[in-house]
Amino acid sequence: MTLLEKVKANLILEHSADDELLQNFIAAAVNYAESFQHIPAGTYMEQTIPPTTEQAIIMIASHFFESRDGSTGGFFADNVQAGQQVWNTVNMLLRLDKEWKA
């Protein structure tokens, strides 16, 4: 299953009208993950993405899609802290695969 398919499953999205937009959000999420983890850009194009990092990428891309109008978005639109919780969870997942440098 591709990242696009996984993000669409996470969003419960069955049409393909937003595939190009989702691909852009996935690219941004992968870039964020690589930057956060201090690994070279393009690393995840060449090697397998660890499961925890993959989940973080799915969450980021989904969050970008659901809040593309600048709101919190999604099921938690009435909770102003929901967006921050997404980032807290994403960053926690990304730390598990981070390259720690001295």
PDB file of N, CA and C in Angstrom:
ATOM      1  N   MET A   1       0.852  -1.182   0.000  1.00  0.00           N
ATOM      2  CA  MET A   1       0.000   0.000   0.000  1.00  0.00           C
ATOM      3  C   MET A   1       0.901   1.248   0.000  1.00  0.00           C
ATOM      4  N   THR A   2       0.600   2.206  -0.866  1.00  0.00           N
ATOM      5  CA  THR A   2       1.400   3.427  -0.968  1.00  0.00           C
ATOM      6  C   THR A   2       1.051   4.403   0.160  1.00  0.00           C
ATOM      7  N   LEU A   3       1.908   5.401   0.341  1.00  0.00           N
ATOM      8  CA  LEU A   3       1.605   6.441   1.330  1.00  0.00           C
ATOM      9  C   LEU A   3       0.301   7.150   0.986  1.00  0.00           C
ATOM     10  N   LEU A   4       0.085   7.418  -0.293  1.00  0.00           N
ATOM     11  CA  LEU A   4      -1.165   8.068  -0.702  1.00  0.00           C
ATOM     12  C   LEU A   4      -2.361   7.225  -0.273  1.00  0.00           C
ATOM     13  N   GLU A   5      -2.308   5.935  -0.529  1.00  0.00           N
ATOM     14  CA  GLU A   5      -3.411   5.057  -0.142  1.00  0.00           C
ATOM     15  C   GLU A   5      -3.606   5.030   1.376  1.00  0.00           C
ATOM     16  N   LYS A   6      -2.515   5.058   2.114  1.00  0.00           N
ATOM     17  CA  LYS A   6      -2.606   5.033   3.576  1.00  0.00           C
ATOM     18  C   LYS A   6      -3.185   6.345   4.125  1.00  0.00           C
ATOM     19  N   VAL A   7      -2.778   7.459   3.534  1.00  0.00           N
ATOM     20  CA  VAL A   7      -3.324   8.751   3.968  1.00  0.00           C
ATOM     21  C   VAL A   7      -4.816   8.812   3.641  1.00  0.00           C
ATOM     22  N   LYS A   8      -5.200   8.374   2.458  1.00  0.00           N
ATOM     23  CA  LYS A   8      -6.615   8.379   2.084  1.00  0.00           C
ATOM     24  C   LYS A   8      -7.423   7.466   2.996  1.00  0.00           C
ATOM     25  N   ALA A   9      -6.875   6.316   3.367  1.00  0.00           N
ATOM     26  CA  ALA A   9      -7.568   5.420   4.299  1.00  0.00           C
ATOM     27  C   ALA A   9      -7.718   6.096   5.657  1.00  0.00           C
ATOM     28  N   ASN A  10      -6.690   6.795   6.089  1.00  0.00           N
ATOM     29  CA  ASN A  10      -6.745   7.508   7.371  1.00  0.00           C
ATOM     30  C   ASN A  10      -7.811   8.598   7.349  1.00  0.00           C
ATOM     31  N   LEU A  11      -7.960   9.236   6.211  1.00  0.00           N
ATOM     32  CA  LEU A  11      -8.948  10.310   6.054  1.00  0.00           C
ATOM     33  C   LEU A  11     -10.342   9.792   5.707  1.00  0.00           C
ATOM     34  N   ILE A  12     -10.451   8.492   5.468  1.00  0.00           N
ATOM     35  CA  ILE A  12     -11.698   7.877   4.990  1.00  0.00           C
ATOM     36  C   ILE A  12     -12.134   8.602   3.710  1.00  0.00           C
ATOM     37  N   LEU A  13     -11.209   8.668   2.775  1.00  0.00           N
ATOM     38  CA  LEU A  13     -11.392   9.400   1.521  1.00  0.00           C
ATOM     39  C   LEU A  13     -11.314   8.399   0.368  1.00  0.00           C
ATOM     40  N   GLU A  14     -12.406   8.274  -0.383  1.00  0.00           N
ATOM     41  CA  GLU A  14     -12.459   7.259  -1.429  1.00  0.00           C
ATOM     42  C   GLU A  14     -12.319   7.809  -2.845  1.00  0.00           C
ATOM     43  N   HIS A  15     -12.494   9.106  -3.044  1.00  0.00           N
ATOM     44  CA  HIS A  15     -12.378   9.677  -4.390  1.00  0.00           C
ATOM     45  C   HIS A  15     -10.926  10.067  -4.678  1.00  0.00           C
ATOM     46  N   SER A  16     -10.656  10.381  -5.922  1.00  0.00           N
ATOM     47  CA  SER A  16      -9.290  10.736  -6.304  1.00  0.00           C
ATOM     48  C   SER A  16      -9.151  12.213  -6.681  1.00  0.00           C
ATOM     49  N   ALA A  17     -10.182  12.990  -6.452  1.00  0.00           N
ATOM     50  CA  ALA A  17     -10.164  14.408  -6.847  1.00  0.00           C
ATOM     51  C   ALA A  17      -9.069  15.196  -6.136  1.00  0.00           C
ATOM     52  N   ASP A  18      -8.689  14.773  -4.935  1.00  0.00           N
ATOM     53  CA  ASP A  18      -7.685  15.510  -4.149  1.00  0.00           C
ATOM     54  C   ASP A  18      -6.320  14.829  -4.118  1.00  0.00           C
ATOM     55  N   ASP A  19      -6.101  13.854  -4.989  1.00  0.00           N
ATOM     56  CA  ASP A  19      -4.843  13.095  -4.954  1.00  0.00           C
ATOM     57  C   ASP A  19      -3.612  13.979  -5.134  1.00  0.00           C
ATOM     58  N   GLU A  20      -3.669  14.922  -6.067  1.00  0.00           N
ATOM     59  CA  GLU A  20      -2.510  15.799  -6.292  1.00  0.00           C
ATOM     60  C   GLU A  20      -2.229  16.644  -5.051  1.00  0.00           C
ATOM     61  N   LEU A  21      -3.259  17.188  -4.452  1.00  0.00           N
ATOM     62  CA  LEU A  21      -3.111  17.965  -3.223  1.00  0.00           C
ATOM     63  C   LEU A  21      -2.529  17.092  -2.115  1.00  0.00           C
ATOM     64  N   LEU A  22      -3.048  15.883  -1.965  1.00  0.00           N
ATOM     65  CA  LEU A  22      -2.545  14.964  -0.947  1.00  0.00           C
ATOM     66  C   LEU A  22      -1.085  14.608  -1.193  1.00  0.00           C
ATOM     67  N   GLN A  23      -0.698  14.423  -2.445  1.00  0.00           N
ATOM     68  CA  GLN A  23       0.710  14.122  -2.753  1.00  0.00           C
ATOM     69  C   GLN A  23       1.619  15.277  -2.318  1.00  0.00           C
ATOM     70  N   ASN A  24       1.144  16.503  -2.490  1.00  0.00           N
ATOM     71  CA  ASN A  24       1.921  17.661  -2.034  1.00  0.00           C
ATOM     72  C   ASN A  24       2.047  17.668  -0.513  1.00  0.00           C
ATOM     73  N   PHE A  25       0.966  17.350   0.180  1.00  0.00           N
ATOM     74  CA  PHE A  25       1.007  17.293   1.647  1.00  0.00           C
ATOM     75  C   PHE A  25       1.913  16.155   2.120  1.00  0.00           C
ATOM     76  N   ILE A  26       1.883  15.033   1.425  1.00  0.00           N
ATOM     77  CA  ILE A  26       2.758  13.909   1.777  1.00  0.00           C
ATOM     78  C   ILE A  26       4.223  14.306   1.578  1.00  0.00           C
ATOM     79  N   ALA A  27       4.528  14.973   0.471  1.00  0.00           N
ATOM     80  CA  ALA A  27       5.902  15.426   0.221  1.00  0.00           C
ATOM     81  C   ALA A  27       6.373  16.377   1.328  1.00  0.00           C
ATOM     82  N   ALA A  28       5.502  17.289   1.734  1.00  0.00           N
ATOM     83  CA  ALA A  28       5.852  18.216   2.819  1.00  0.00           C
ATOM     84  C   ALA A  28       6.049  17.461   4.133  1.00  0.00           C
ATOM     85  N   ALA A  29       5.205  16.463   4.386  1.00  0.00           N
ATOM     86  CA  ALA A  29       5.312  15.671   5.619  1.00  0.00           C
ATOM     87  C   ALA A  29       6.605  14.854   5.640  1.00  0.00           C
ATOM     88  N   VAL A  30       6.965  14.268   4.519  1.00  0.00           N
ATOM     89  CA  VAL A  30       8.219  13.506   4.430  1.00  0.00           C
ATOM     90  C   VAL A  30       9.403  14.439   4.647  1.00  0.00           C
ATOM     91  N   ASN A  31       9.346  15.615   4.031  1.00  0.00           N
ATOM     92  CA  ASN A  31      10.411  16.600   4.215  1.00  0.00           C
ATOM     93  C   ASN A  31      10.533  16.998   5.678  1.00  0.00           C
ATOM     94  N   TYR A  32       9.407  17.225   6.336  1.00  0.00           N
ATOM     95  CA  TYR A  32       9.421  17.568   7.762  1.00  0.00           C
ATOM     96  C   TYR A  32      10.048  16.446   8.568  1.00  0.00           C
ATOM     97  N   ALA A  33       9.671  15.200   8.292  1.00  0.00           N
ATOM     98  CA  ALA A  33      10.199  14.053   9.033  1.00  0.00           C
ATOM     99  C   ALA A  33      11.710  13.948   8.866  1.00  0.00           C
ATOM    100  N   GLU A  34      12.187  14.069   7.644  1.00  0.00           N
ATOM    101  CA  GLU A  34      13.626  13.974   7.398  1.00  0.00           C
ATOM    102  C   GLU A  34      14.380  15.099   8.092  1.00  0.00           C
ATOM    103  N   SER A  35      13.843  16.294   8.038  1.00  0.00           N
ATOM    104  CA  SER A  35      14.468  17.437   8.698  1.00  0.00           C
ATOM    105  C   SER A  35      14.486  17.256  10.212  1.00  0.00           C
ATOM    106  N   PHE A  36      13.362  16.861  10.782  1.00  0.00           N
ATOM    107  CA  PHE A  36      13.250  16.653  12.224  1.00  0.00           C
ATOM    108  C   PHE A  36      14.229  15.586  12.696  1.00  0.00           C
ATOM    109  N   GLN A  37      14.383  14.545  11.888  1.00  0.00           N
ATOM    110  CA  GLN A  37      15.237  13.419  12.268  1.00  0.00           C
ATOM    111  C   GLN A  37      16.713  13.624  11.898  1.00  0.00           C
ATOM    112  N   HIS A  38      17.035  14.769  11.325  1.00  0.00           N
ATOM    113  CA  HIS A  38      18.410  15.095  10.941  1.00  0.00           C
ATOM    114  C   HIS A  38      18.997  14.082   9.971  1.00  0.00           C
ATOM    115  N   ILE A  39      18.209  13.697   8.984  1.00  0.00           N
ATOM    116  CA  ILE A  39      18.709  12.808   7.938  1.00  0.00           C
ATOM    117  C   ILE A  39      18.631  13.547   6.608  1.00  0.00           C
ATOM    118  N   PRO A  40      19.457  13.164   5.647  1.00  0.00           N
ATOM    119  CA  PRO A  40      19.468  13.883   4.369  1.00  0.00           C
ATOM    120  C   PRO A  40      18.118  13.853   3.650  1.00  0.00           C
ATOM    121  N   ALA A  41      17.809  14.962   3.020  1.00  0.00           N
ATOM    122  CA  ALA A  41      16.587  15.039   2.217  1.00  0.00           C
ATOM    123  C   ALA A  41      16.621  13.951   1.152  1.00  0.00           C
ATOM    124  N   GLY A  42      15.510  13.292   0.956  1.00  0.00           N
ATOM    125  CA  GLY A  42      15.405  12.226  -0.026  1.00  0.00           C
ATOM    126  C   GLY A  42      15.710  10.841   0.515  1.00  0.00           C
ATOM    127  N   THR A  43      16.105  10.759   1.782  1.00  0.00           N
ATOM    128  CA  THR A  43      16.426   9.456   2.377  1.00  0.00           C
ATOM    129  C   THR A  43      15.264   8.490   2.256  1.00  0.00           C
ATOM    130  N   TYR A  44      14.055   8.966   2.541  1.00  0.00           N
ATOM    131  CA  TYR A  44      12.899   8.072   2.520  1.00  0.00           C
ATOM    132  C   TYR A  44      12.392   7.779   1.113  1.00  0.00           C
ATOM    133  N   MET A  45      13.000   8.404   0.115  1.00  0.00           N
ATOM    134  CA  MET A  45      12.716   8.020  -1.268  1.00  0.00           C
ATOM    135  C   MET A  45      13.547   6.790  -1.629  1.00  0.00           C
ATOM    136  N   GLU A  46      14.665   6.597  -0.908  1.00  0.00           N
ATOM    137  CA  GLU A  46      15.616   5.538  -1.242  1.00  0.00           C
ATOM    138  C   GLU A  46      15.545   4.336  -0.311  1.00  0.00           C
ATOM    139  N   GLN A  47      15.009   4.512   0.873  1.00  0.00           N
ATOM    140  CA  GLN A  47      14.958   3.392   1.808  1.00  0.00           C
ATOM    141  C   GLN A  47      13.597   3.315   2.492  1.00  0.00           C
ATOM    142  N   THR A  48      13.359   2.186   3.102  1.00  0.00           N
ATOM    143  CA  THR A  48      12.084   1.938   3.766  1.00  0.00           C
ATOM    144  C   THR A  48      11.887   2.893   4.934  1.00  0.00           C
ATOM    145  N   ILE A  49      10.687   3.410   5.043  1.00  0.00           N
ATOM    146  CA  ILE A  49      10.341   4.307   6.147  1.00  0.00           C
ATOM    147  C   ILE A  49       9.983   3.448   7.359  1.00  0.00           C
ATOM    148  N   PRO A  50      10.621   3.705   8.524  1.00  0.00           N
ATOM    149  CA  PRO A  50      10.254   2.947   9.730  1.00  0.00           C
ATOM    150  C   PRO A  50       8.766   3.155  10.053  1.00  0.00           C
ATOM    151  N   PRO A  51       8.113   2.143  10.630  1.00  0.00           N
ATOM    152  CA  PRO A  51       6.665   2.231  10.891  1.00  0.00           C
ATOM    153  C   PRO A  51       6.249   3.436  11.728  1.00  0.00           C
ATOM    154  N   THR A  52       7.021   3.804  12.737  1.00  0.00           N
ATOM    155  CA  THR A  52       6.626   4.955  13.565  1.00  0.00           C
ATOM    156  C   THR A  52       6.727   6.256  12.778  1.00  0.00           C
ATOM    157  N   THR A  53       7.752   6.377  11.959  1.00  0.00           N
ATOM    158  CA  THR A  53       7.895   7.564  11.108  1.00  0.00           C
ATOM    159  C   THR A  53       6.805   7.597  10.053  1.00  0.00           C
ATOM    160  N   GLU A  54       6.486   6.442   9.489  1.00  0.00           N
ATOM    161  CA  GLU A  54       5.408   6.387   8.499  1.00  0.00           C
ATOM    162  C   GLU A  54       4.085   6.858   9.108  1.00  0.00           C
ATOM    163  N   GLN A  55       3.796   6.426  10.327  1.00  0.00           N
ATOM    164  CA  GLN A  55       2.566   6.861  10.987  1.00  0.00           C
ATOM    165  C   GLN A  55       2.576   8.375  11.203  1.00  0.00           C
ATOM    166  N   ALA A  56       3.725   8.918  11.582  1.00  0.00           N
ATOM    167  CA  ALA A  56       3.830  10.366  11.761  1.00  0.00           C
ATOM    168  C   ALA A  56       3.566  11.097  10.441  1.00  0.00           C
ATOM    169  N   ILE A  57       4.117  10.582   9.347  1.00  0.00           N
ATOM    170  CA  ILE A  57       3.910  11.196   8.032  1.00  0.00           C
ATOM    171  C   ILE A  57       2.438  11.150   7.646  1.00  0.00           C
ATOM    172  N   ILE A  58       1.794  10.025   7.898  1.00  0.00           N
ATOM    173  CA  ILE A  58       0.356   9.902   7.612  1.00  0.00           C
ATOM    174  C   ILE A  58      -0.435  10.924   8.432  1.00  0.00           C
ATOM    175  N   MET A  59      -0.074  11.064   9.700  1.00  0.00           N
ATOM    176  CA  MET A  59      -0.774  12.018  10.565  1.00  0.00           C
ATOM    177  C   MET A  59      -0.562  13.458  10.104  1.00  0.00           C
ATOM    178  N   ILE A  60       0.674  13.799   9.734  1.00  0.00           N
ATOM    179  CA  ILE A  60       0.958  15.170   9.290  1.00  0.00           C
ATOM    180  C   ILE A  60       0.196  15.477   8.006  1.00  0.00           C
ATOM    181  N   ALA A  61       0.301  14.595   7.027  1.00  0.00           N
ATOM    182  CA  ALA A  61      -0.379  14.831   5.746  1.00  0.00           C
ATOM    183  C   ALA A  61      -1.890  14.934   5.943  1.00  0.00           C
ATOM    184  N   SER A  62      -2.435  14.078   6.789  1.00  0.00           N
ATOM    185  CA  SER A  62      -3.869  14.132   7.088  1.00  0.00           C
ATOM    186  C   SER A  62      -4.238  15.448   7.766  1.00  0.00           C
ATOM    187  N   HIS A  63      -3.402  15.873   8.705  1.00  0.00           N
ATOM    188  CA  HIS A  63      -3.648  17.140   9.407  1.00  0.00           C
ATOM    189  C   HIS A  63      -3.606  18.311   8.426  1.00  0.00           C
ATOM    190  N   PHE A  64      -2.602  18.321   7.534  1.00  0.00           N
ATOM    191  CA  PHE A  64      -2.521  19.378   6.528  1.00  0.00           C
ATOM    192  C   PHE A  64      -3.797  19.407   5.681  1.00  0.00           C
ATOM    193  N   PHE A  65      -4.280  18.239   5.272  1.00  0.00           N
ATOM    194  CA  PHE A  65      -5.483  18.160   4.446  1.00  0.00           C
ATOM    195  C   PHE A  65      -6.704  18.667   5.197  1.00  0.00           C
ATOM    196  N   GLU A  66      -6.865  18.221   6.426  1.00  0.00           N
ATOM    197  CA  GLU A  66      -8.055  18.586   7.198  1.00  0.00           C
ATOM    198  C   GLU A  66      -8.046  20.035   7.661  1.00  0.00           C
ATOM    199  N   SER A  67      -6.882  20.644   7.740  1.00  0.00           N
ATOM    200  CA  SER A  67      -6.817  22.032   8.210  1.00  0.00           C
ATOM    201  C   SER A  67      -6.284  22.966   7.123  1.00  0.00           C
ATOM    202  N   ARG A  68      -6.488  22.601   5.861  1.00  0.00           N
ATOM    203  CA  ARG A  68      -5.950  23.397   4.754  1.00  0.00           C
ATOM    204  C   ARG A  68      -6.546  24.792   4.663  1.00  0.00           C
ATOM    205  N   ASP A  69      -7.657  25.026   5.349  1.00  0.00           N
ATOM    206  CA  ASP A  69      -8.246  26.370   5.350  1.00  0.00           C
ATOM    207  C   ASP A  69      -7.756  27.193   6.547  1.00  0.00           C
ATOM    208  N   GLY A  70      -6.829  26.642   7.308  1.00  0.00           N
ATOM    209  CA  GLY A  70      -6.270  27.364   8.449  1.00  0.00           C
ATOM    210  C   GLY A  70      -6.948  27.062   9.768  1.00  0.00           C
ATOM    211  N   SER A  71      -7.976  26.223   9.739  1.00  0.00           N
ATOM    212  CA  SER A  71      -8.669  25.870  10.975  1.00  0.00           C
ATOM    213  C   SER A  71      -8.038  24.621  11.580  1.00  0.00           C
ATOM    214  N   THR A  72      -8.550  24.189  12.710  1.00  0.00           N
ATOM    215  CA  THR A  72      -8.085  22.952  13.324  1.00  0.00           C
ATOM    216  C   THR A  72      -8.455  21.777  12.441  1.00  0.00           C
ATOM    217  N   GLY A  73      -9.668  21.764  11.954  1.00  0.00           N
ATOM    218  CA  GLY A  73     -10.125  20.762  11.001  1.00  0.00           C
ATOM    219  C   GLY A  73     -10.424  19.411  11.607  1.00  0.00           C
ATOM    220  N   GLY A  74     -11.042  18.594  10.790  1.00  0.00           N
ATOM    221  CA  GLY A  74     -11.305  17.219  11.178  1.00  0.00           C
ATOM    222  C   GLY A  74     -12.371  17.074  12.232  1.00  0.00           C
ATOM    223  N   PHE A  75     -12.346  15.921  12.877  1.00  0.00           N
ATOM    224  CA  PHE A  75     -13.343  15.585  13.884  1.00  0.00           C
ATOM    225  C   PHE A  75     -13.242  16.464  15.127  1.00  0.00           C
ATOM    226  N   PHE A  76     -12.088  17.104  15.329  1.00  0.00           N
ATOM    227  CA  PHE A  76     -11.843  17.848  16.563  1.00  0.00           C
ATOM    228  C   PHE A  76     -11.857  19.352  16.342  1.00  0.00           C
ATOM    229  N   ALA A  77     -12.614  19.811  15.348  1.00  0.00           N
ATOM    230  CA  ALA A  77     -12.626  21.226  14.986  1.00  0.00           C
ATOM    231  C   ALA A  77     -13.062  22.122  16.131  1.00  0.00           C
ATOM    232  N   ASP A  78     -13.806  21.596  17.088  1.00  0.00           N
ATOM    233  CA  ASP A  78     -14.261  22.417  18.204  1.00  0.00           C
ATOM    234  C   ASP A  78     -13.254  22.447  19.350  1.00  0.00           C
ATOM    235  N   ASN A  79     -12.130  21.751  19.206  1.00  0.00           N
ATOM    236  CA  ASN A  79     -11.113  21.704  20.251  1.00  0.00           C
ATOM    237  C   ASN A  79      -9.884  22.460  19.763  1.00  0.00           C
ATOM    238  N   VAL A  80      -9.638  23.636  20.332  1.00  0.00           N
ATOM    239  CA  VAL A  80      -8.534  24.477  19.871  1.00  0.00           C
ATOM    240  C   VAL A  80      -7.171  23.851  20.140  1.00  0.00           C
ATOM    241  N   GLN A  81      -7.082  22.891  21.035  1.00  0.00           N
ATOM    242  CA  GLN A  81      -5.806  22.248  21.348  1.00  0.00           C
ATOM    243  C   GLN A  81      -5.542  21.016  20.482  1.00  0.00           C
ATOM    244  N   ALA A  82      -6.488  20.638  19.651  1.00  0.00           N
ATOM    245  CA  ALA A  82      -6.343  19.432  18.834  1.00  0.00           C
ATOM    246  C   ALA A  82      -5.156  19.533  17.886  1.00  0.00           C
ATOM    247  N   GLY A  83      -4.991  20.680  17.252  1.00  0.00           N
ATOM    248  CA  GLY A  83      -3.862  20.865  16.342  1.00  0.00           C
ATOM    249  C   GLY A  83      -2.536  20.695  17.046  1.00  0.00           C
ATOM    250  N   GLN A  84      -2.412  21.253  18.236  1.00  0.00           N
ATOM    251  CA  GLN A  84      -1.168  21.110  19.006  1.00  0.00           C
ATOM    252  C   GLN A  84      -0.944  19.655  19.406  1.00  0.00           C
ATOM    253  N   GLN A  85      -2.004  18.950  19.731  1.00  0.00           N
ATOM    254  CA  GLN A  85      -1.857  17.537  20.106  1.00  0.00           C
ATOM    255  C   GLN A  85      -1.367  16.710  18.928  1.00  0.00           C
ATOM    256  N   VAL A  86      -1.812  17.052  17.721  1.00  0.00           N
ATOM    257  CA  VAL A  86      -1.312  16.353  16.533  1.00  0.00           C
ATOM    258  C   VAL A  86       0.202  16.504  16.460  1.00  0.00           C
ATOM    259  N   TRP A  87       0.697  17.740  16.601  1.00  0.00           N
ATOM    260  CA  TRP A  87       2.138  17.978  16.505  1.00  0.00           C
ATOM    261  C   TRP A  87       2.896  17.322  17.648  1.00  0.00           C
ATOM    262  N   ASN A  88       2.339  17.322  18.841  1.00  0.00           N
ATOM    263  CA  ASN A  88       2.995  16.643  19.966  1.00  0.00           C
ATOM    264  C   ASN A  88       3.158  15.154  19.667  1.00  0.00           C
ATOM    265  N   THR A  89       2.110  14.537  19.146  1.00  0.00           N
ATOM    266  CA  THR A  89       2.146  13.111  18.830  1.00  0.00           C
ATOM    267  C   THR A  89       3.102  12.839  17.676  1.00  0.00           C
ATOM    268  N   VAL A  90       3.032  13.631  16.630  1.00  0.00           N
ATOM    269  CA  VAL A  90       3.915  13.471  15.482  1.00  0.00           C
ATOM    270  C   VAL A  90       5.374  13.567  15.908  1.00  0.00           C
ATOM    271  N   ASN A  91       5.702  14.598  16.663  1.00  0.00           N
ATOM    272  CA  ASN A  91       7.093  14.788  17.083  1.00  0.00           C
ATOM    273  C   ASN A  91       7.567  13.663  17.995  1.00  0.00           C
ATOM    274  N   MET A  92       6.683  13.144  18.833  1.00  0.00           N
ATOM    275  CA  MET A  92       7.040  12.005  19.676  1.00  0.00           C
ATOM    276  C   MET A  92       7.351  10.790  18.813  1.00  0.00           C
ATOM    277  N   LEU A  93       6.535  10.523  17.798  1.00  0.00           N
ATOM    278  CA  LEU A  93       6.786   9.403  16.902  1.00  0.00           C
ATOM    279  C   LEU A  93       8.096   9.588  16.134  1.00  0.00           C
ATOM    280  N   LEU A  94       8.343  10.796  15.654  1.00  0.00           N
ATOM    281  CA  LEU A  94       9.562  11.053  14.888  1.00  0.00           C
ATOM    282  C   LEU A  94      10.817  10.941  15.748  1.00  0.00           C
ATOM    283  N   ARG A  95      10.722  11.278  17.018  1.00  0.00           N
ATOM    284  CA  ARG A  95      11.884  11.153  17.915  1.00  0.00           C
ATOM    285  C   ARG A  95      12.346   9.700  18.033  1.00  0.00           C
ATOM    286  N   LEU A  96      11.427   8.747  17.890  1.00  0.00           N
ATOM    287  CA  LEU A  96      11.782   7.340  18.033  1.00  0.00           C
ATOM    288  C   LEU A  96      12.769   6.873  16.959  1.00  0.00           C
ATOM    289  N   ASP A  97      12.777   7.518  15.804  1.00  0.00           N
ATOM    290  CA  ASP A  97      13.681   7.134  14.698  1.00  0.00           C
ATOM    291  C   ASP A  97      14.709   8.222  14.393  1.00  0.00           C
ATOM    292  N   LYS A  98      14.842   9.194  15.272  1.00  0.00           N
ATOM    293  CA  LYS A  98      15.718  10.345  15.032  1.00  0.00           C
ATOM    294  C   LYS A  98      17.184   9.951  15.100  1.00  0.00           C
ATOM    295  N   GLU A  99      17.997  10.590  14.260  1.00  0.00           N
ATOM    296  CA  GLU A  99      19.448  10.439  14.307  1.00  0.00           C
ATOM    297  C   GLU A  99      19.960  11.436  15.341  1.00  0.00           C
ATOM    298  N   TRP A 100      20.356  10.943  16.493  1.00  0.00           N
ATOM    299  CA  TRP A 100      20.844  11.807  17.568  1.00  0.00           C
ATOM    300  C   TRP A 100      22.319  12.072  17.347  1.00  0.00           C
ATOM    301  N   LYS A 101      22.675  13.345  17.235  1.00  0.00           N
ATOM    302  CA  LYS A 101      24.064  13.725  16.987  1.00  0.00           C
ATOM    303  C   LYS A 101      24.589  14.538  18.149  1.00  0.00           C
ATOM    304  N   ALA A 102      25.852  14.352  18.418  1.00  0.00           N
ATOM    305  CA  ALA A 102      26.495  15.079  19.521  1.00  0.00           C
ATOM    306  C   ALA A 102      26.813  16.493  19.134  1.00  0.00           C
TER     307      ALA A 102
END
